[in-house]
Amino acid sequence: MIEPARPRSARGARRLSDLTWVALILSGLGLALAFMSGAGLPIAAAGTVCGLFALRRRPDDSPWPYVAVAAGSVGSVLALILAIVTAVEWLPVLPGMLLG
């Protein structure tokens, strides 16, 4: 008995790898937390690195690791800028607050 041919699934319809999911989640969180005085910097950087590793390991997940790398990079740059601005604003005031 011959089985009928199954239709090919679309390029993005495959199940994404776990590394791609981790990259997307970390990049999204890092981008969201970047607005909290740069607190999302390490998370966004980790999302960018995971996205780059996901590109190397599974090129089939094609658009999503690129999205993770882009979001993580934007989150990292934004968090770095906001962390510098926060440090410039608060470091001169900090000794007066601590010593009274």
PDB file of N, CA and C in Angstrom:
ATOM      1  N   MET A   1       0.836  -1.175   0.000  1.00  0.00           N
ATOM      2  CA  MET A   1       0.000   0.000   0.000  1.00  0.00           C
ATOM      3  C   MET A   1       0.885   1.245   0.000  1.00  0.00           C
ATOM      4  N   ILE A   2       0.591   2.148  -0.857  1.00  0.00           N
ATOM      5  CA  ILE A   2       1.377   3.371  -0.976  1.00  0.00           C
ATOM      6  C   ILE A   2       0.682   4.485  -0.204  1.00  0.00           C
ATOM      7  N   GLU A   3       1.456   5.153   0.647  1.00  0.00           N
ATOM      8  CA  GLU A   3       0.898   6.272   1.411  1.00  0.00           C
ATOM      9  C   GLU A   3       0.920   7.534   0.561  1.00  0.00           C
ATOM     10  N   PRO A   4      -0.087   8.364   0.708  1.00  0.00           N
ATOM     11  CA  PRO A   4      -0.075   9.624  -0.055  1.00  0.00           C
ATOM     12  C   PRO A   4       1.037  10.544   0.473  1.00  0.00           C
ATOM     13  N   ALA A   5       1.555  11.325  -0.416  1.00  0.00           N
ATOM     14  CA  ALA A   5       2.629  12.247  -0.045  1.00  0.00           C
ATOM     15  C   ALA A   5       2.080  13.332   0.874  1.00  0.00           C
ATOM     16  N   ARG A   6       2.827  13.611   1.907  1.00  0.00           N
ATOM     17  CA  ARG A   6       2.433  14.680   2.827  1.00  0.00           C
ATOM     18  C   ARG A   6       2.896  16.025   2.270  1.00  0.00           C
ATOM     19  N   PRO A   7       2.091  17.043   2.446  1.00  0.00           N
ATOM     20  CA  PRO A   7       2.550  18.365   1.974  1.00  0.00           C
ATOM     21  C   PRO A   7       3.698  18.862   2.839  1.00  0.00           C
ATOM     22  N   ARG A   8       4.613  19.541   2.228  1.00  0.00           N
ATOM     23  CA  ARG A   8       5.739  20.101   2.967  1.00  0.00           C
ATOM     24  C   ARG A   8       5.262  21.258   3.813  1.00  0.00           C
ATOM     25  N   SER A   9       5.774  21.325   5.016  1.00  0.00           N
ATOM     26  CA  SER A   9       5.409  22.443   5.876  1.00  0.00           C
ATOM     27  C   SER A   9       6.174  23.689   5.463  1.00  0.00           C
ATOM     28  N   ALA A  10       5.632  24.817   5.796  1.00  0.00           N
ATOM     29  CA  ALA A  10       6.273  26.084   5.456  1.00  0.00           C
ATOM     30  C   ALA A  10       7.600  26.207   6.193  1.00  0.00           C
ATOM     31  N   ARG A  11       8.439  27.105   5.743  1.00  0.00           N
ATOM     32  CA  ARG A  11       9.782  27.237   6.300  1.00  0.00           C
ATOM     33  C   ARG A  11       9.765  27.552   7.792  1.00  0.00           C
ATOM     34  N   GLY A  12       8.901  28.417   8.242  1.00  0.00           N
ATOM     35  CA  GLY A  12       8.872  28.794   9.649  1.00  0.00           C
ATOM     36  C   GLY A  12       7.945  27.936  10.492  1.00  0.00           C
ATOM     37  N   ALA A  13       7.337  26.897   9.903  1.00  0.00           N
ATOM     38  CA  ALA A  13       6.351  26.104  10.625  1.00  0.00           C
ATOM     39  C   ALA A  13       6.981  25.029  11.501  1.00  0.00           C
ATOM     40  N   ARG A  14       8.266  24.784  11.365  1.00  0.00           N
ATOM     41  CA  ARG A  14       8.926  23.774  12.190  1.00  0.00           C
ATOM     42  C   ARG A  14       8.999  24.214  13.634  1.00  0.00           C
ATOM     43  N   ARG A  15       9.169  23.251  14.497  1.00  0.00           N
ATOM     44  CA  ARG A  15       9.336  23.539  15.911  1.00  0.00           C
ATOM     45  C   ARG A  15      10.701  24.193  16.109  1.00  0.00           C
ATOM     46  N   LEU A  16      10.715  25.290  16.830  1.00  0.00           N
ATOM     47  CA  LEU A  16      11.973  25.998  17.071  1.00  0.00           C
ATOM     48  C   LEU A  16      12.797  25.253  18.114  1.00  0.00           C
ATOM     49  N   SER A  17      14.097  25.387  18.015  1.00  0.00           N
ATOM     50  CA  SER A  17      14.977  24.737  18.987  1.00  0.00           C
ATOM     51  C   SER A  17      14.871  25.439  20.337  1.00  0.00           C
ATOM     52  N   ASP A  18      15.268  24.724  21.368  1.00  0.00           N
ATOM     53  CA  ASP A  18      15.221  25.291  22.715  1.00  0.00           C
ATOM     54  C   ASP A  18      16.141  26.495  22.838  1.00  0.00           C
ATOM     55  N   LEU A  19      17.280  26.437  22.170  1.00  0.00           N
ATOM     56  CA  LEU A  19      18.216  27.561  22.222  1.00  0.00           C
ATOM     57  C   LEU A  19      17.620  28.811  21.580  1.00  0.00           C
ATOM     58  N   THR A  20      16.860  28.636  20.518  1.00  0.00           N
ATOM     59  CA  THR A  20      16.196  29.774  19.888  1.00  0.00           C
ATOM     60  C   THR A  20      15.152  30.365  20.823  1.00  0.00           C
ATOM     61  N   TRP A  21      14.391  29.506  21.511  1.00  0.00           N
ATOM     62  CA  TRP A  21      13.398  30.000  22.468  1.00  0.00           C
ATOM     63  C   TRP A  21      14.059  30.759  23.606  1.00  0.00           C
ATOM     64  N   VAL A  22      15.150  30.225  24.123  1.00  0.00           N
ATOM     65  CA  VAL A  22      15.871  30.912  25.205  1.00  0.00           C
ATOM     66  C   VAL A  22      16.376  32.264  24.721  1.00  0.00           C
ATOM     67  N   ALA A  23      16.894  32.308  23.504  1.00  0.00           N
ATOM     68  CA  ALA A  23      17.391  33.566  22.947  1.00  0.00           C
ATOM     69  C   ALA A  23      16.272  34.584  22.800  1.00  0.00           C
ATOM     70  N   LEU A  24      15.115  34.152  22.314  1.00  0.00           N
ATOM     71  CA  LEU A  24      13.990  35.070  22.158  1.00  0.00           C
ATOM     72  C   LEU A  24      13.493  35.593  23.495  1.00  0.00           C
ATOM     73  N   ILE A  25      13.395  34.719  24.492  1.00  0.00           N
ATOM     74  CA  ILE A  25      12.908  35.134  25.810  1.00  0.00           C
ATOM     75  C   ILE A  25      13.893  36.068  26.486  1.00  0.00           C
ATOM     76  N   LEU A  26      15.178  35.732  26.462  1.00  0.00           N
ATOM     77  CA  LEU A  26      16.175  36.593  27.101  1.00  0.00           C
ATOM     78  C   LEU A  26      16.277  37.944  26.407  1.00  0.00           C
ATOM     79  N   SER A  27      16.236  37.942  25.090  1.00  0.00           N
ATOM     80  CA  SER A  27      16.322  39.214  24.365  1.00  0.00           C
ATOM     81  C   SER A  27      15.115  40.092  24.637  1.00  0.00           C
ATOM     82  N   GLY A  28      13.936  39.490  24.661  1.00  0.00           N
ATOM     83  CA  GLY A  28      12.724  40.260  24.961  1.00  0.00           C
ATOM     84  C   GLY A  28      12.739  40.825  26.375  1.00  0.00           C
ATOM     85  N   LEU A  29      13.133  40.002  27.335  1.00  0.00           N
ATOM     86  CA  LEU A  29      13.228  40.490  28.714  1.00  0.00           C
ATOM     87  C   LEU A  29      14.294  41.573  28.850  1.00  0.00           C
ATOM     88  N   GLY A  30      15.428  41.373  28.212  1.00  0.00           N
ATOM     89  CA  GLY A  30      16.497  42.365  28.275  1.00  0.00           C
ATOM     90  C   GLY A  30      16.082  43.689  27.666  1.00  0.00           C
ATOM     91  N   LEU A  31      15.340  43.624  26.565  1.00  0.00           N
ATOM     92  CA  LEU A  31      14.859  44.851  25.936  1.00  0.00           C
ATOM     93  C   LEU A  31      13.838  45.551  26.824  1.00  0.00           C
ATOM     94  N   ALA A  32      12.961  44.781  27.468  1.00  0.00           N
ATOM     95  CA  ALA A  32      11.959  45.380  28.350  1.00  0.00           C
ATOM     96  C   ALA A  32      12.604  45.959  29.605  1.00  0.00           C
ATOM     97  N   LEU A  33      13.587  45.255  30.157  1.00  0.00           N
ATOM     98  CA  LEU A  33      14.236  45.713  31.391  1.00  0.00           C
ATOM     99  C   LEU A  33      15.301  46.784  31.145  1.00  0.00           C
ATOM    100  N   ALA A  34      15.619  47.048  29.905  1.00  0.00           N
ATOM    101  CA  ALA A  34      16.628  48.067  29.597  1.00  0.00           C
ATOM    102  C   ALA A  34      16.174  49.448  30.052  1.00  0.00           C
ATOM    103  N   PHE A  35      14.878  49.652  30.133  1.00  0.00           N
ATOM    104  CA  PHE A  35      14.363  50.962  30.532  1.00  0.00           C
ATOM    105  C   PHE A  35      14.422  51.174  32.032  1.00  0.00           C
ATOM    106  N   MET A  36      14.806  50.168  32.788  1.00  0.00           N
ATOM    107  CA  MET A  36      14.930  50.303  34.240  1.00  0.00           C
ATOM    108  C   MET A  36      16.376  50.647  34.587  1.00  0.00           C
ATOM    109  N   SER A  37      16.832  51.795  34.166  1.00  0.00           N
ATOM    110  CA  SER A  37      18.180  52.299  34.422  1.00  0.00           C
ATOM    111  C   SER A  37      19.265  51.327  33.973  1.00  0.00           C
ATOM    112  N   GLY A  38      19.011  50.609  32.911  1.00  0.00           N
ATOM    113  CA  GLY A  38      20.017  49.720  32.354  1.00  0.00           C
ATOM    114  C   GLY A  38      20.095  48.364  33.014  1.00  0.00           C
ATOM    115  N   ALA A  39      19.090  47.977  33.781  1.00  0.00           N
ATOM    116  CA  ALA A  39      19.133  46.699  34.486  1.00  0.00           C
ATOM    117  C   ALA A  39      19.085  45.508  33.539  1.00  0.00           C
ATOM    118  N   GLY A  40      18.619  45.701  32.320  1.00  0.00           N
ATOM    119  CA  GLY A  40      18.502  44.598  31.378  1.00  0.00           C
ATOM    120  C   GLY A  40      19.747  44.322  30.569  1.00  0.00           C
ATOM    121  N   LEU A  41      20.837  45.015  30.873  1.00  0.00           N
ATOM    122  CA  LEU A  41      22.063  44.852  30.084  1.00  0.00           C
ATOM    123  C   LEU A  41      22.579  43.413  30.066  1.00  0.00           C
ATOM    124  N   PRO A  42      22.778  42.757  31.207  1.00  0.00           N
ATOM    125  CA  PRO A  42      23.299  41.380  31.125  1.00  0.00           C
ATOM    126  C   PRO A  42      22.309  40.408  30.490  1.00  0.00           C
ATOM    127  N   ILE A  43      21.026  40.630  30.695  1.00  0.00           N
ATOM    128  CA  ILE A  43      20.027  39.730  30.131  1.00  0.00           C
ATOM    129  C   ILE A  43      19.960  39.899  28.615  1.00  0.00           C
ATOM    130  N   ALA A  44      19.991  41.141  28.149  1.00  0.00           N
ATOM    131  CA  ALA A  44      19.962  41.394  26.706  1.00  0.00           C
ATOM    132  C   ALA A  44      21.228  40.874  26.030  1.00  0.00           C
ATOM    133  N   ALA A  45      22.368  41.031  26.695  1.00  0.00           N
ATOM    134  CA  ALA A  45      23.625  40.516  26.136  1.00  0.00           C
ATOM    135  C   ALA A  45      23.587  38.993  26.047  1.00  0.00           C
ATOM    136  N   ALA A  46      23.029  38.347  27.074  1.00  0.00           N
ATOM    137  CA  ALA A  46      22.907  36.882  27.039  1.00  0.00           C
ATOM    138  C   ALA A  46      21.964  36.444  25.920  1.00  0.00           C
ATOM    139  N   GLY A  47      20.896  37.194  25.699  1.00  0.00           N
ATOM    140  CA  GLY A  47      19.985  36.878  24.603  1.00  0.00           C
ATOM    141  C   GLY A  47      20.648  37.017  23.244  1.00  0.00           C
ATOM    142  N   THR A  48      21.503  38.019  23.111  1.00  0.00           N
ATOM    143  CA  THR A  48      22.231  38.198  21.856  1.00  0.00           C
ATOM    144  C   THR A  48      23.182  37.029  21.609  1.00  0.00           C
ATOM    145  N   VAL A  49      23.896  36.627  22.637  1.00  0.00           N
ATOM    146  CA  VAL A  49      24.845  35.514  22.499  1.00  0.00           C
ATOM    147  C   VAL A  49      24.104  34.211  22.191  1.00  0.00           C
ATOM    148  N   CYS A  50      23.004  33.970  22.889  1.00  0.00           N
ATOM    149  CA  CYS A  50      22.217  32.760  22.610  1.00  0.00           C
ATOM    150  C   CYS A  50      21.670  32.780  21.184  1.00  0.00           C
ATOM    151  N   GLY A  51      21.263  33.953  20.721  1.00  0.00           N
ATOM    152  CA  GLY A  51      20.781  34.069  19.348  1.00  0.00           C
ATOM    153  C   GLY A  51      21.870  33.763  18.332  1.00  0.00           C
ATOM    154  N   LEU A  52      23.085  34.210  18.602  1.00  0.00           N
ATOM    155  CA  LEU A  52      24.194  33.906  17.698  1.00  0.00           C
ATOM    156  C   LEU A  52      24.515  32.419  17.697  1.00  0.00           C
ATOM    157  N   PHE A  53      24.485  31.794  18.872  1.00  0.00           N
ATOM    158  CA  PHE A  53      24.705  30.351  18.927  1.00  0.00           C
ATOM    159  C   PHE A  53      23.581  29.597  18.214  1.00  0.00           C
ATOM    160  N   ALA A  54      22.352  30.077  18.353  1.00  0.00           N
ATOM    161  CA  ALA A  54      21.221  29.431  17.681  1.00  0.00           C
ATOM    162  C   ALA A  54      21.353  29.541  16.162  1.00  0.00           C
ATOM    163  N   LEU A  55      21.904  30.643  15.678  1.00  0.00           N
ATOM    164  CA  LEU A  55      22.134  30.783  14.239  1.00  0.00           C
ATOM    165  C   LEU A  55      23.145  29.763  13.737  1.00  0.00           C
ATOM    166  N   ARG A  56      24.155  29.496  14.554  1.00  0.00           N
ATOM    167  CA  ARG A  56      25.187  28.538  14.163  1.00  0.00           C
ATOM    168  C   ARG A  56      24.676  27.100  14.186  1.00  0.00           C
ATOM    169  N   ARG A  57      23.919  26.775  15.250  1.00  0.00           N
ATOM    170  CA  ARG A  57      23.506  25.383  15.436  1.00  0.00           C
ATOM    171  C   ARG A  57      22.346  24.978  14.527  1.00  0.00           C
ATOM    172  N   ARG A  58      21.341  25.838  14.403  1.00  0.00           N
ATOM    173  CA  ARG A  58      20.165  25.490  13.607  1.00  0.00           C
ATOM    174  C   ARG A  58      19.830  26.612  12.635  1.00  0.00           C
ATOM    175  N   PRO A  59      20.454  26.643  11.488  1.00  0.00           N
ATOM    176  CA  PRO A  59      20.119  27.684  10.517  1.00  0.00           C
ATOM    177  C   PRO A  59      18.702  27.538   9.957  1.00  0.00           C
ATOM    178  N   ASP A  60      18.039  26.398  10.229  1.00  0.00           N
ATOM    179  CA  ASP A  60      16.671  26.193   9.746  1.00  0.00           C
ATOM    180  C   ASP A  60      15.676  27.121  10.433  1.00  0.00           C
ATOM    181  N   ASP A  61      15.980  27.546  11.666  1.00  0.00           N
ATOM    182  CA  ASP A  61      15.089  28.437  12.421  1.00  0.00           C
ATOM    183  C   ASP A  61      15.220  29.874  11.932  1.00  0.00           C
ATOM    184  N   SER A  62      15.592  30.022  10.693  1.00  0.00           N
ATOM    185  CA  SER A  62      16.129  31.239  10.103  1.00  0.00           C
ATOM    186  C   SER A  62      15.660  32.590  10.632  1.00  0.00           C
ATOM    187  N   PRO A  63      14.422  33.012  10.580  1.00  0.00           N
ATOM    188  CA  PRO A  63      14.197  34.410  10.959  1.00  0.00           C
ATOM    189  C   PRO A  63      14.271  34.663  12.461  1.00  0.00           C
ATOM    190  N   TRP A  64      13.967  33.676  13.294  1.00  0.00           N
ATOM    191  CA  TRP A  64      13.825  33.939  14.728  1.00  0.00           C
ATOM    192  C   TRP A  64      15.130  34.194  15.460  1.00  0.00           C
ATOM    193  N   PRO A  65      16.222  33.495  15.183  1.00  0.00           N
ATOM    194  CA  PRO A  65      17.479  33.894  15.828  1.00  0.00           C
ATOM    195  C   PRO A  65      17.926  35.297  15.435  1.00  0.00           C
ATOM    196  N   TYR A  66      17.625  35.697  14.198  1.00  0.00           N
ATOM    197  CA  TYR A  66      17.948  37.066  13.789  1.00  0.00           C
ATOM    198  C   TYR A  66      17.137  38.088  14.589  1.00  0.00           C
ATOM    199  N   VAL A  67      15.881  37.764  14.839  1.00  0.00           N
ATOM    200  CA  VAL A  67      15.039  38.644  15.653  1.00  0.00           C
ATOM    201  C   VAL A  67      15.610  38.748  17.066  1.00  0.00           C
ATOM    202  N   ALA A  68      16.041  37.614  17.625  1.00  0.00           N
ATOM    203  CA  ALA A  68      16.614  37.609  18.974  1.00  0.00           C
ATOM    204  C   ALA A  68      17.910  38.413  19.027  1.00  0.00           C
ATOM    205  N   VAL A  69      18.752  38.268  18.026  1.00  0.00           N
ATOM    206  CA  VAL A  69      20.013  39.025  17.987  1.00  0.00           C
ATOM    207  C   VAL A  69      19.724  40.522  17.860  1.00  0.00           C
ATOM    208  N   ALA A  70      18.770  40.887  17.016  1.00  0.00           N
ATOM    209  CA  ALA A  70      18.440  42.307  16.841  1.00  0.00           C
ATOM    210  C   ALA A  70      17.864  42.901  18.125  1.00  0.00           C
ATOM    211  N   ALA A  71      16.914  42.202  18.733  1.00  0.00           N
ATOM    212  CA  ALA A  71      16.302  42.712  19.968  1.00  0.00           C
ATOM    213  C   ALA A  71      17.316  42.765  21.105  1.00  0.00           C
ATOM    214  N   GLY A  72      18.156  41.750  21.211  1.00  0.00           N
ATOM    215  CA  GLY A  72      19.179  41.747  22.251  1.00  0.00           C
ATOM    216  C   GLY A  72      20.210  42.840  22.057  1.00  0.00           C
ATOM    217  N   SER A  73      20.579  43.092  20.812  1.00  0.00           N
ATOM    218  CA  SER A  73      21.555  44.153  20.540  1.00  0.00           C
ATOM    219  C   SER A  73      20.979  45.528  20.851  1.00  0.00           C
ATOM    220  N   VAL A  74      19.738  45.764  20.433  1.00  0.00           N
ATOM    221  CA  VAL A  74      19.095  47.047  20.736  1.00  0.00           C
ATOM    222  C   VAL A  74      18.937  47.205  22.245  1.00  0.00           C
ATOM    223  N   GLY A  75      18.535  46.132  22.929  1.00  0.00           N
ATOM    224  CA  GLY A  75      18.399  46.181  24.384  1.00  0.00           C
ATOM    225  C   GLY A  75      19.716  46.431  25.078  1.00  0.00           C
ATOM    226  N   SER A  76      20.795  45.830  24.584  1.00  0.00           N
ATOM    227  CA  SER A  76      22.109  46.031  25.193  1.00  0.00           C
ATOM    228  C   SER A  76      22.587  47.472  25.035  1.00  0.00           C
ATOM    229  N   VAL A  77      22.449  48.009  23.838  1.00  0.00           N
ATOM    230  CA  VAL A  77      22.893  49.382  23.595  1.00  0.00           C
ATOM    231  C   VAL A  77      22.050  50.365  24.408  1.00  0.00           C
ATOM    232  N   LEU A  78      20.753  50.170  24.403  1.00  0.00           N
ATOM    233  CA  LEU A  78      19.865  51.045  25.151  1.00  0.00           C
ATOM    234  C   LEU A  78      20.138  50.960  26.657  1.00  0.00           C
ATOM    235  N   ALA A  79      20.334  49.752  27.168  1.00  0.00           N
ATOM    236  CA  ALA A  79      20.623  49.578  28.593  1.00  0.00           C
ATOM    237  C   ALA A  79      21.958  50.207  28.960  1.00  0.00           C
ATOM    238  N   LEU A  80      22.946  50.084  28.095  1.00  0.00           N
ATOM    239  CA  LEU A  80      24.257  50.686  28.367  1.00  0.00           C
ATOM    240  C   LEU A  80      24.158  52.206  28.412  1.00  0.00           C
ATOM    241  N   ILE A  81      23.435  52.788  27.471  1.00  0.00           N
ATOM    242  CA  ILE A  81      23.268  54.245  27.465  1.00  0.00           C
ATOM    243  C   ILE A  81      22.536  54.712  28.716  1.00  0.00           C
ATOM    244  N   LEU A  82      21.458  54.021  29.072  1.00  0.00           N
ATOM    245  CA  LEU A  82      20.698  54.419  30.256  1.00  0.00           C
ATOM    246  C   LEU A  82      21.476  54.194  31.550  1.00  0.00           C
ATOM    247  N   ALA A  83      22.312  53.156  31.600  1.00  0.00           N
ATOM    248  CA  ALA A  83      23.147  52.933  32.783  1.00  0.00           C
ATOM    249  C   ALA A  83      24.179  54.051  32.932  1.00  0.00           C
ATOM    250  N   ILE A  84      24.748  54.515  31.845  1.00  0.00           N
ATOM    251  CA  ILE A  84      25.717  55.611  31.899  1.00  0.00           C
ATOM    252  C   ILE A  84      25.031  56.901  32.328  1.00  0.00           C
ATOM    253  N   VAL A  85      23.856  57.169  31.762  1.00  0.00           N
ATOM    254  CA  VAL A  85      23.122  58.373  32.145  1.00  0.00           C
ATOM    255  C   VAL A  85      22.751  58.335  33.627  1.00  0.00           C
ATOM    256  N   THR A  86      22.306  57.193  34.107  1.00  0.00           N
ATOM    257  CA  THR A  86      21.950  57.048  35.519  1.00  0.00           C
ATOM    258  C   THR A  86      23.167  57.238  36.413  1.00  0.00           C
ATOM    259  N   ALA A  87      24.299  56.675  36.030  1.00  0.00           N
ATOM    260  CA  ALA A  87      25.511  56.830  36.829  1.00  0.00           C
ATOM    261  C   ALA A  87      25.972  58.280  36.872  1.00  0.00           C
ATOM    262  N   VAL A  88      25.885  58.975  35.751  1.00  0.00           N
ATOM    263  CA  VAL A  88      26.295  60.381  35.714  1.00  0.00           C
ATOM    264  C   VAL A  88      25.383  61.232  36.595  1.00  0.00           C
ATOM    265  N   GLU A  89      24.116  60.898  36.627  1.00  0.00           N
ATOM    266  CA  GLU A  89      23.169  61.669  37.441  1.00  0.00           C
ATOM    267  C   GLU A  89      23.292  61.368  38.937  1.00  0.00           C
ATOM    268  N   TRP A  90      23.513  60.119  39.307  1.00  0.00           N
ATOM    269  CA  TRP A  90      23.444  59.734  40.716  1.00  0.00           C
ATOM    270  C   TRP A  90      24.778  59.694  41.445  1.00  0.00           C
ATOM    271  N   LEU A  91      25.872  59.485  40.760  1.00  0.00           N
ATOM    272  CA  LEU A  91      27.162  59.379  41.465  1.00  0.00           C
ATOM    273  C   LEU A  91      27.568  60.653  42.197  1.00  0.00           C
ATOM    274  N   PRO A  92      27.354  61.850  41.673  1.00  0.00           N
ATOM    275  CA  PRO A  92      27.701  63.044  42.453  1.00  0.00           C
ATOM    276  C   PRO A  92      26.822  63.232  43.699  1.00  0.00           C
ATOM    277  N   VAL A  93      25.607  62.742  43.672  1.00  0.00           N
ATOM    278  CA  VAL A  93      24.665  62.928  44.774  1.00  0.00           C
ATOM    279  C   VAL A  93      24.823  61.848  45.841  1.00  0.00           C
ATOM    280  N   LEU A  94      25.356  60.721  45.473  1.00  0.00           N
ATOM    281  CA  LEU A  94      25.421  59.555  46.346  1.00  0.00           C
ATOM    282  C   LEU A  94      26.190  59.773  47.642  1.00  0.00           C
ATOM    283  N   PRO A  95      27.380  60.385  47.656  1.00  0.00           N
ATOM    284  CA  PRO A  95      28.085  60.574  48.933  1.00  0.00           C
ATOM    285  C   PRO A  95      27.285  61.419  49.931  1.00  0.00           C
ATOM    286  N   GLY A  96      26.605  62.444  49.453  1.00  0.00           N
ATOM    287  CA  GLY A  96      25.792  63.276  50.344  1.00  0.00           C
ATOM    288  C   GLY A  96      24.622  62.501  50.926  1.00  0.00           C
ATOM    289  N   MET A  97      24.066  61.590  50.155  1.00  0.00           N
ATOM    290  CA  MET A  97      22.952  60.787  50.645  1.00  0.00           C
ATOM    291  C   MET A  97      23.401  59.760  51.674  1.00  0.00           C
ATOM    292  N   LEU A  98      24.577  59.177  51.462  1.00  0.00           N
ATOM    293  CA  LEU A  98      25.062  58.131  52.360  1.00  0.00           C
ATOM    294  C   LEU A  98      25.613  58.697  53.670  1.00  0.00           C
ATOM    295  N   LEU A  99      26.331  59.815  53.592  1.00  0.00           N
ATOM    296  CA  LEU A  99      26.979  60.375  54.787  1.00  0.00           C
ATOM    297  C   LEU A  99      26.091  61.342  55.541  1.00  0.00           C
ATOM    298  N   GLY A 100      25.034  61.777  54.929  1.00  0.00           N
ATOM    299  CA  GLY A 100      24.086  62.631  55.632  1.00  0.00           C
ATOM    300  C   GLY A 100      24.302  64.022  55.354  1.00  0.00           C
TER     301      GLY A 100
END
